[in-house]
């Protein structure tokens, strides 16, 4: 389904709906289970790990972790993915995603947690996007007034705390293992990138058994741990997440 088909199909439902930007990753899976948004919006933008995201979403549907009737897939081509840096960051990606989500509902959820450091995931970004959307969707000759919320209700939770809350809200630990959070984009998560490592910390701290072949490399043995260890011990690397990282590493 392309973006035009999606927009026409859901045009009559865009008011008074909540939309979660859904990648198939662990954070958005947890947010979906806890807050039950009306729509799960997956945007295919031609990124390196896009195929793995799709596979993850299909697996989550198959095991009943998400409702396929809530899912909307839109394809915006590869122009955004072509701006992907070597470190796999796509500058200001969420500006585009939030703007697209405004076509499907007024409450827009981003699954950003404590410790996420990109400026297009912080609270100031949410406030600015709310002001922008409220301006461009104000009543005018072609539309009635719409008022927006752009929020991450899990922003004050670390990944460890989020997984704990997910499990308390009838989330299944097996679902978490079917989510995909790796930057490498391969069928087996690399275990070396920061998303893999932070996910591993959260799973380990919640006593979730991780299959031996789940990661290509053991996140416990990340080569750059020694470099950040002094900051971790001082609590100045990722703030309150640092103690959880040390706990997962038995330090």
Foldseek 3Di string as FASTA:
>chain_A
DALVVLLVVQQVQQEPFEEEAAQLALLSLLCCLVPVGQAHEYEAQQALQNVVSVQLVVVCCVVVSDPPVRYDYHYPYHPQNVCQDPLRDRPLVVLVVVVSSSSRYAEYEYRAAQLDDHPCPDPVVQVVSQVVVQVVQDDDDPHHGDGHGYDHPRHHPQLLRSVVVSVVSVHDLVSNLSGDQASNNDNAHALADPSNLSSLLNCVSVVHDDDPRNHPDNVLPHPCCVVCVVVLVVCNNRHPCSVSSCVSNVD
